[in-house]
Amino acid sequence: MVIKFIADENIPFYVVEALREASYEVATISEAALPGMKNDELAKLSIQLKMIIITRDADFTHLRQSLMRKIKVVYIRLSGDPNSIAQQVLDNIEGCTNILHDHNVAMLDQEGCHAL
């Protein structure tokens, strides 16, 4: 099964490219919808498309309960240059998606992936 992601606008394109090169299916907001869409709209779109949201926006860790029960989110809490972030995402994305089998939000930070 191919894991599908939708990348929030705050995700560096280096991350999107790296995931695509690793054979993950990744859509950007501008490819899947309209730029500037609100978080609730992105959450609903991800549910409809059965995609995992990749974001750097902490607001996705506490949306309305009705959405939080249905969405899957990888919240990236990393800083640094985009190439370094892309490499850290690649190194940890499998662990993050494994966490999402039992949880709705996985946070990726300097320590690795954790359930929220």
C-alpha atoms as a PDB file:
ATOM      1  CA  MET A   1       0.000   0.000   0.000  1.00  0.00           C
ATOM      2  CA  VAL A   2       1.347   3.411  -0.974  1.00  0.00           C
ATOM      3  CA  ILE A   3       1.382   5.938   1.836  1.00  0.00           C
ATOM      4  CA  LYS A   4      -0.139   9.224   0.689  1.00  0.00           C
ATOM      5  CA  PHE A   5       0.713  12.611   2.143  1.00  0.00           C
ATOM      6  CA  ILE A   6      -0.567  16.124   1.674  1.00  0.00           C
ATOM      7  CA  ALA A   7       2.065  18.720   2.506  1.00  0.00           C
ATOM      8  CA  ASP A   8       0.946  21.893   4.236  1.00  0.00           C
ATOM      9  CA  GLU A   9       2.213  25.146   2.736  1.00  0.00           C
ATOM     10  CA  ASN A  10       4.797  25.502   5.519  1.00  0.00           C
ATOM     11  CA  ILE A  11       6.668  22.349   4.466  1.00  0.00           C
ATOM     12  CA  PRO A  12       9.869  23.070   2.515  1.00  0.00           C
ATOM     13  CA  PHE A  13       9.706  21.784  -1.052  1.00  0.00           C
ATOM     14  CA  TYR A  14      12.951  19.868  -0.369  1.00  0.00           C
ATOM     15  CA  VAL A  15      10.897  17.644   1.955  1.00  0.00           C
ATOM     16  CA  VAL A  16       8.238  17.073  -0.715  1.00  0.00           C
ATOM     17  CA  GLU A  17      10.896  16.221  -3.324  1.00  0.00           C
ATOM     18  CA  ALA A  18      12.773  13.886  -0.967  1.00  0.00           C
ATOM     19  CA  LEU A  19       9.618  11.950  -0.102  1.00  0.00           C
ATOM     20  CA  ARG A  20       8.657  11.677  -3.766  1.00  0.00           C
ATOM     21  CA  GLU A  21      12.128  10.411  -4.662  1.00  0.00           C
ATOM     22  CA  ALA A  22      11.672   7.771  -1.934  1.00  0.00           C
ATOM     23  CA  SER A  23       8.455   6.645  -3.722  1.00  0.00           C
ATOM     24  CA  TYR A  24       5.948   8.237  -1.364  1.00  0.00           C
ATOM     25  CA  GLU A  25       2.922   9.885  -2.921  1.00  0.00           C
ATOM     26  CA  VAL A  26       2.943  13.546  -1.870  1.00  0.00           C
ATOM     27  CA  ALA A  27       0.626  16.331  -2.970  1.00  0.00           C
ATOM     28  CA  THR A  28       1.120  19.964  -2.103  1.00  0.00           C
ATOM     29  CA  ILE A  29      -1.768  22.272  -1.213  1.00  0.00           C
ATOM     30  CA  SER A  30      -1.445  24.036  -4.561  1.00  0.00           C
ATOM     31  CA  GLU A  31      -1.673  20.686  -6.376  1.00  0.00           C
ATOM     32  CA  ALA A  32      -4.576  19.263  -4.371  1.00  0.00           C
ATOM     33  CA  ALA A  33      -6.615  22.387  -3.610  1.00  0.00           C
ATOM     34  CA  LEU A  34      -6.247  26.119  -3.285  1.00  0.00           C
ATOM     35  CA  PRO A  35      -3.313  27.868  -1.619  1.00  0.00           C
ATOM     36  CA  GLY A  36      -4.235  29.645   1.597  1.00  0.00           C
ATOM     37  CA  MET A  37      -6.884  27.175   2.679  1.00  0.00           C
ATOM     38  CA  LYS A  38      -7.769  27.122   6.374  1.00  0.00           C
ATOM     39  CA  ASN A  39      -6.627  24.307   8.677  1.00  0.00           C
ATOM     40  CA  ASP A  40     -10.142  22.872   9.056  1.00  0.00           C
ATOM     41  CA  GLU A  41     -10.500  22.779   5.275  1.00  0.00           C
ATOM     42  CA  LEU A  42      -7.159  20.999   4.896  1.00  0.00           C
ATOM     43  CA  ALA A  43      -8.170  18.505   7.586  1.00  0.00           C
ATOM     44  CA  LYS A  44     -11.442  17.748   5.783  1.00  0.00           C
ATOM     45  CA  LEU A  45      -9.613  17.416   2.452  1.00  0.00           C
ATOM     46  CA  SER A  46      -7.099  14.990   3.956  1.00  0.00           C
ATOM     47  CA  ILE A  47      -9.944  12.846   5.289  1.00  0.00           C
ATOM     48  CA  GLN A  48     -11.697  12.887   1.912  1.00  0.00           C
ATOM     49  CA  LEU A  49      -8.484  11.992   0.033  1.00  0.00           C
ATOM     50  CA  LYS A  50      -7.289   9.535   2.713  1.00  0.00           C
ATOM     51  CA  MET A  51      -3.977  11.362   3.028  1.00  0.00           C
ATOM     52  CA  ILE A  52      -1.694  12.076   5.981  1.00  0.00           C
ATOM     53  CA  ILE A  53      -1.060  15.770   6.602  1.00  0.00           C
ATOM     54  CA  ILE A  54       2.588  16.814   6.938  1.00  0.00           C
ATOM     55  CA  THR A  55       2.844  20.186   8.654  1.00  0.00           C
ATOM     56  CA  ARG A  56       4.946  22.472  10.828  1.00  0.00           C
ATOM     57  CA  ASP A  57       1.783  24.100  12.225  1.00  0.00           C
ATOM     58  CA  ALA A  58       1.136  23.158  15.864  1.00  0.00           C
ATOM     59  CA  ASP A  59      -2.540  24.055  15.376  1.00  0.00           C
ATOM     60  CA  PHE A  60      -2.993  20.644  13.730  1.00  0.00           C
ATOM     61  CA  THR A  61      -2.317  19.024  17.102  1.00  0.00           C
ATOM     62  CA  HIS A  62      -5.505  20.501  18.583  1.00  0.00           C
ATOM     63  CA  LEU A  63      -8.264  20.968  16.010  1.00  0.00           C
ATOM     64  CA  ARG A  64     -11.915  20.311  16.803  1.00  0.00           C
ATOM     65  CA  GLN A  65     -12.409  16.838  18.315  1.00  0.00           C
ATOM     66  CA  SER A  66     -14.658  15.780  15.436  1.00  0.00           C
ATOM     67  CA  LEU A  67     -11.713  16.316  13.061  1.00  0.00           C
ATOM     68  CA  MET A  68      -8.981  15.103  15.412  1.00  0.00           C
ATOM     69  CA  ARG A  69     -10.611  11.667  15.596  1.00  0.00           C
ATOM     70  CA  LYS A  70     -10.452  11.294  11.804  1.00  0.00           C
ATOM     71  CA  ILE A  71      -7.230  12.952  10.623  1.00  0.00           C
ATOM     72  CA  LYS A  72      -3.678  11.658  10.564  1.00  0.00           C
ATOM     73  CA  VAL A  73      -0.902  14.220  11.007  1.00  0.00           C
ATOM     74  CA  VAL A  74       2.887  14.204  11.028  1.00  0.00           C
ATOM     75  CA  TYR A  75       3.776  17.389  12.891  1.00  0.00           C
ATOM     76  CA  ILE A  76       7.362  18.355  12.043  1.00  0.00           C
ATOM     77  CA  ARG A  77       9.027  20.299  14.816  1.00  0.00           C
ATOM     78  CA  LEU A  78      12.466  20.672  13.286  1.00  0.00           C
ATOM     79  CA  SER A  79      14.502  23.718  12.412  1.00  0.00           C
ATOM     80  CA  GLY A  80      17.551  24.238  10.263  1.00  0.00           C
ATOM     81  CA  ASP A  81      18.231  24.214   6.596  1.00  0.00           C
ATOM     82  CA  PRO A  82      15.640  22.573   4.309  1.00  0.00           C
ATOM     83  CA  ASN A  83      18.041  19.828   3.149  1.00  0.00           C
ATOM     84  CA  SER A  84      18.716  18.792   6.742  1.00  0.00           C
ATOM     85  CA  ILE A  85      15.001  18.787   7.544  1.00  0.00           C
ATOM     86  CA  ALA A  86      14.302  16.697   4.424  1.00  0.00           C
ATOM     87  CA  GLN A  87      16.915  14.136   5.481  1.00  0.00           C
ATOM     88  CA  GLN A  88      15.522  13.925   9.022  1.00  0.00           C
ATOM     89  CA  VAL A  89      12.021  13.438   7.636  1.00  0.00           C
ATOM     90  CA  LEU A  90      13.239  10.646   5.338  1.00  0.00           C
ATOM     91  CA  ASP A  91      15.117   8.972   8.184  1.00  0.00           C
ATOM     92  CA  ASN A  92      12.035   8.999  10.434  1.00  0.00           C
ATOM     93  CA  ILE A  93       8.935   8.942   8.225  1.00  0.00           C
ATOM     94  CA  GLU A  94       8.407   5.185   8.507  1.00  0.00           C
ATOM     95  CA  GLY A  95       8.441   5.380  12.302  1.00  0.00           C
ATOM     96  CA  CYS A  96       6.023   8.296  12.177  1.00  0.00           C
ATOM     97  CA  THR A  97       3.568   6.445   9.953  1.00  0.00           C
ATOM     98  CA  ASN A  98       3.796   3.385  12.222  1.00  0.00           C
ATOM     99  CA  ILE A  99       2.774   5.588  15.170  1.00  0.00           C
ATOM    100  CA  LEU A 100      -0.245   6.732  13.157  1.00  0.00           C
ATOM    101  CA  HIS A 101      -1.656   3.188  13.192  1.00  0.00           C
ATOM    102  CA  ASP A 102      -2.616   3.767  16.851  1.00  0.00           C
ATOM    103  CA  HIS A 103      -2.611   7.580  17.161  1.00  0.00           C
ATOM    104  CA  ASN A 104      -3.809  10.550  15.132  1.00  0.00           C
ATOM    105  CA  VAL A 105      -0.735  12.754  15.515  1.00  0.00           C
ATOM    106  CA  ALA A 106       2.954  11.911  15.366  1.00  0.00           C
ATOM    107  CA  MET A 107       5.483  14.616  16.176  1.00  0.00           C
ATOM    108  CA  LEU A 108       8.926  14.538  14.589  1.00  0.00           C
ATOM    109  CA  ASP A 109      11.586  16.461  16.492  1.00  0.00           C
ATOM    110  CA  GLN A 110      15.353  16.150  17.059  1.00  0.00           C
ATOM    111  CA  GLU A 111      14.738  13.014  19.159  1.00  0.00           C
ATOM    112  CA  GLY A 112      12.742  11.230  16.443  1.00  0.00           C
ATOM    113  CA  CYS A 113       9.013  10.472  16.176  1.00  0.00           C
ATOM    114  CA  HIS A 114       6.642  10.471  19.145  1.00  0.00           C
ATOM    115  CA  ALA A 115       2.892   9.996  19.548  1.00  0.00           C
ATOM    116  CA  LEU A 116       0.945  13.039  20.689  1.00  0.00           C
END
